[in-house]
């Protein structure tokens, strides 16, 4: 069974309420993220994997992107997080951008 990657399903996956405000915010992220729907279905699997390393996917409040954030302070877990997202981004050809001095990355979009 495959879950369709649409705004409402993504909001549910990311544990946001489905309302006009969150739909508008995610719509803006989709519009700003290069070829979002080319890799959107893979976000569902990524979310499952991130839970294993105390990390999440969330909507950024400072930039119009989804962000990947590791909540752990343990070096080994942080390294596993980095390896996981780098592997995911390489596999699906998704550009990510590291936030300076944080264990956070933005999903920029599909590599050209």
C-alpha atoms as a PDB file:
ATOM      1  CA  UNK A   1       0.000   0.000   0.000  1.00  0.00           C
ATOM      2  CA  UNK A   2       1.326   3.406  -0.975  1.00  0.00           C
ATOM      3  CA  UNK A   3       0.433   6.694   0.659  1.00  0.00           C
ATOM      4  CA  UNK A   4      -0.072   9.593  -1.704  1.00  0.00           C
ATOM      5  CA  UNK A   5       2.284  12.485  -1.029  1.00  0.00           C
ATOM      6  CA  UNK A   6      -0.055  15.450  -0.869  1.00  0.00           C
ATOM      7  CA  UNK A   7      -0.175  18.410   1.484  1.00  0.00           C
ATOM      8  CA  UNK A   8      -2.707  16.908   3.888  1.00  0.00           C
ATOM      9  CA  UNK A   9      -0.956  13.527   4.154  1.00  0.00           C
ATOM     10  CA  UNK A  10       2.398  15.209   4.681  1.00  0.00           C
ATOM     11  CA  UNK A  11       0.979  17.361   7.456  1.00  0.00           C
ATOM     12  CA  UNK A  12      -0.399  14.267   9.166  1.00  0.00           C
ATOM     13  CA  UNK A  13       2.955  12.484   8.775  1.00  0.00           C
ATOM     14  CA  UNK A  14       4.758  15.435  10.337  1.00  0.00           C
ATOM     15  CA  UNK A  15       2.237  15.638  13.217  1.00  0.00           C
ATOM     16  CA  UNK A  16       0.819  19.032  12.271  1.00  0.00           C
ATOM     17  CA  UNK A  17      -2.876  19.868  12.466  1.00  0.00           C
ATOM     18  CA  UNK A  18      -4.521  20.008   9.067  1.00  0.00           C
ATOM     19  CA  UNK A  19      -5.879  23.542   8.885  1.00  0.00           C
ATOM     20  CA  UNK A  20      -5.659  26.516   6.534  1.00  0.00           C
ATOM     21  CA  UNK A  21      -2.571  27.948   8.230  1.00  0.00           C
ATOM     22  CA  UNK A  22      -0.502  24.765   8.073  1.00  0.00           C
ATOM     23  CA  UNK A  23      -1.741  23.930   4.564  1.00  0.00           C
ATOM     24  CA  UNK A  24      -0.712  27.399   3.386  1.00  0.00           C
ATOM     25  CA  UNK A  25       2.695  27.089   5.038  1.00  0.00           C
ATOM     26  CA  UNK A  26       3.328  23.676   3.470  1.00  0.00           C
ATOM     27  CA  UNK A  27       2.032  24.892   0.086  1.00  0.00           C
ATOM     28  CA  UNK A  28       4.638  27.667   0.259  1.00  0.00           C
ATOM     29  CA  UNK A  29       7.344  25.117   1.066  1.00  0.00           C
ATOM     30  CA  UNK A  30       6.264  22.910  -1.840  1.00  0.00           C
ATOM     31  CA  UNK A  31       6.298  25.898  -4.208  1.00  0.00           C
ATOM     32  CA  UNK A  32       9.773  26.941  -2.997  1.00  0.00           C
ATOM     33  CA  UNK A  33      11.322  23.452  -3.097  1.00  0.00           C
ATOM     34  CA  UNK A  34      12.655  22.480  -6.528  1.00  0.00           C
ATOM     35  CA  UNK A  35      10.703  19.511  -7.973  1.00  0.00           C
ATOM     36  CA  UNK A  36       9.208  18.683  -4.570  1.00  0.00           C
ATOM     37  CA  UNK A  37       6.826  15.996  -5.774  1.00  0.00           C
ATOM     38  CA  UNK A  38       9.640  14.142  -7.590  1.00  0.00           C
ATOM     39  CA  UNK A  39      10.897  12.942  -4.196  1.00  0.00           C
ATOM     40  CA  UNK A  40       7.967  13.634  -1.845  1.00  0.00           C
ATOM     41  CA  UNK A  41       6.965   9.960  -1.515  1.00  0.00           C
ATOM     42  CA  UNK A  42      10.422   9.221  -0.105  1.00  0.00           C
ATOM     43  CA  UNK A  43       9.816  11.643   2.776  1.00  0.00           C
ATOM     44  CA  UNK A  44       7.504   9.060   4.361  1.00  0.00           C
ATOM     45  CA  UNK A  45      10.323   6.485   4.596  1.00  0.00           C
ATOM     46  CA  UNK A  46      12.806   9.115   5.707  1.00  0.00           C
ATOM     47  CA  UNK A  47      10.564  10.100   8.621  1.00  0.00           C
ATOM     48  CA  UNK A  48      10.479   6.472   9.797  1.00  0.00           C
ATOM     49  CA  UNK A  49      14.269   6.205   9.631  1.00  0.00           C
ATOM     50  CA  UNK A  50      14.821   9.538  11.387  1.00  0.00           C
ATOM     51  CA  UNK A  51      12.816   8.371  14.406  1.00  0.00           C
ATOM     52  CA  UNK A  52      15.514   5.745  15.012  1.00  0.00           C
ATOM     53  CA  UNK A  53      18.137   8.493  15.484  1.00  0.00           C
ATOM     54  CA  UNK A  54      16.032  10.909  17.557  1.00  0.00           C
ATOM     55  CA  UNK A  55      15.438  13.187  14.579  1.00  0.00           C
ATOM     56  CA  UNK A  56      12.422  14.718  12.890  1.00  0.00           C
ATOM     57  CA  UNK A  57      11.197  16.465   9.777  1.00  0.00           C
ATOM     58  CA  UNK A  58       9.480  19.781  10.397  1.00  0.00           C
ATOM     59  CA  UNK A  59       8.393  22.926   8.617  1.00  0.00           C
ATOM     60  CA  UNK A  60      10.907  25.686   9.142  1.00  0.00           C
ATOM     61  CA  UNK A  61       9.607  28.952  10.550  1.00  0.00           C
ATOM     62  CA  UNK A  62      12.619  30.923   9.312  1.00  0.00           C
ATOM     63  CA  UNK A  63      12.921  29.643   5.712  1.00  0.00           C
ATOM     64  CA  UNK A  64      10.347  28.166   3.326  1.00  0.00           C
ATOM     65  CA  UNK A  65      11.735  24.623   3.479  1.00  0.00           C
ATOM     66  CA  UNK A  66      11.285  21.390   5.330  1.00  0.00           C
ATOM     67  CA  UNK A  67      14.024  20.882   7.863  1.00  0.00           C
ATOM     68  CA  UNK A  68      15.661  17.734   9.162  1.00  0.00           C
ATOM     69  CA  UNK A  69      16.659  18.102  12.788  1.00  0.00           C
ATOM     70  CA  UNK A  70      18.513  15.798  15.156  1.00  0.00           C
ATOM     71  CA  UNK A  71      17.416  16.256  18.758  1.00  0.00           C
ATOM     72  CA  UNK A  72      20.120  14.098  20.329  1.00  0.00           C
ATOM     73  CA  UNK A  73      23.265  15.468  21.984  1.00  0.00           C
ATOM     74  CA  UNK A  74      25.132  12.151  21.641  1.00  0.00           C
ATOM     75  CA  UNK A  75      27.941  12.293  19.076  1.00  0.00           C
ATOM     76  CA  UNK A  76      27.309   8.772  17.803  1.00  0.00           C
ATOM     77  CA  UNK A  77      23.620   9.494  17.208  1.00  0.00           C
ATOM     78  CA  UNK A  78      24.436  12.790  15.471  1.00  0.00           C
ATOM     79  CA  UNK A  79      26.868  10.955  13.171  1.00  0.00           C
ATOM     80  CA  UNK A  80      24.208   8.337  12.390  1.00  0.00           C
ATOM     81  CA  UNK A  81      21.786  11.172  11.601  1.00  0.00           C
ATOM     82  CA  UNK A  82      24.262  12.822   9.215  1.00  0.00           C
ATOM     83  CA  UNK A  83      25.008   9.524   7.500  1.00  0.00           C
ATOM     84  CA  UNK A  84      21.306   8.761   7.140  1.00  0.00           C
ATOM     85  CA  UNK A  85      20.325  12.058   5.561  1.00  0.00           C
ATOM     86  CA  UNK A  86      23.391  12.196   3.320  1.00  0.00           C
ATOM     87  CA  UNK A  87      22.633   8.681   2.093  1.00  0.00           C
ATOM     88  CA  UNK A  88      18.967   9.587   1.535  1.00  0.00           C
ATOM     89  CA  UNK A  89      19.823  12.784  -0.333  1.00  0.00           C
ATOM     90  CA  UNK A  90      22.374  10.970  -2.536  1.00  0.00           C
ATOM     91  CA  UNK A  91      20.007   8.102  -3.291  1.00  0.00           C
ATOM     92  CA  UNK A  92      17.097  10.341  -4.324  1.00  0.00           C
ATOM     93  CA  UNK A  93      19.267  13.178  -5.694  1.00  0.00           C
ATOM     94  CA  UNK A  94      17.890  15.724  -3.234  1.00  0.00           C
ATOM     95  CA  UNK A  95      19.859  18.828  -2.331  1.00  0.00           C
ATOM     96  CA  UNK A  96      20.173  19.566   1.367  1.00  0.00           C
ATOM     97  CA  UNK A  97      21.713  22.571   3.086  1.00  0.00           C
ATOM     98  CA  UNK A  98      23.311  22.444   6.542  1.00  0.00           C
ATOM     99  CA  UNK A  99      22.315  25.104   9.051  1.00  0.00           C
ATOM    100  CA  UNK A 100      25.464  26.572  10.547  1.00  0.00           C
ATOM    101  CA  UNK A 101      26.303  25.413  14.086  1.00  0.00           C
ATOM    102  CA  UNK A 102      23.221  23.168  14.333  1.00  0.00           C
ATOM    103  CA  UNK A 103      22.338  19.543  13.681  1.00  0.00           C
ATOM    104  CA  UNK A 104      19.759  20.740  11.187  1.00  0.00           C
ATOM    105  CA  UNK A 105      19.480  20.602   7.397  1.00  0.00           C
ATOM    106  CA  UNK A 106      17.022  22.141   4.940  1.00  0.00           C
ATOM    107  CA  UNK A 107      15.598  20.145   2.040  1.00  0.00           C
ATOM    108  CA  UNK A 108      16.274  22.521  -0.874  1.00  0.00           C
ATOM    109  CA  UNK A 109      14.944  20.384  -3.693  1.00  0.00           C
ATOM    110  CA  UNK A 110      15.779  17.949  -6.438  1.00  0.00           C
ATOM    111  CA  UNK A 111      19.299  18.220  -7.848  1.00  0.00           C
ATOM    112  CA  UNK A 112      19.252  19.402 -11.433  1.00  0.00           C
END
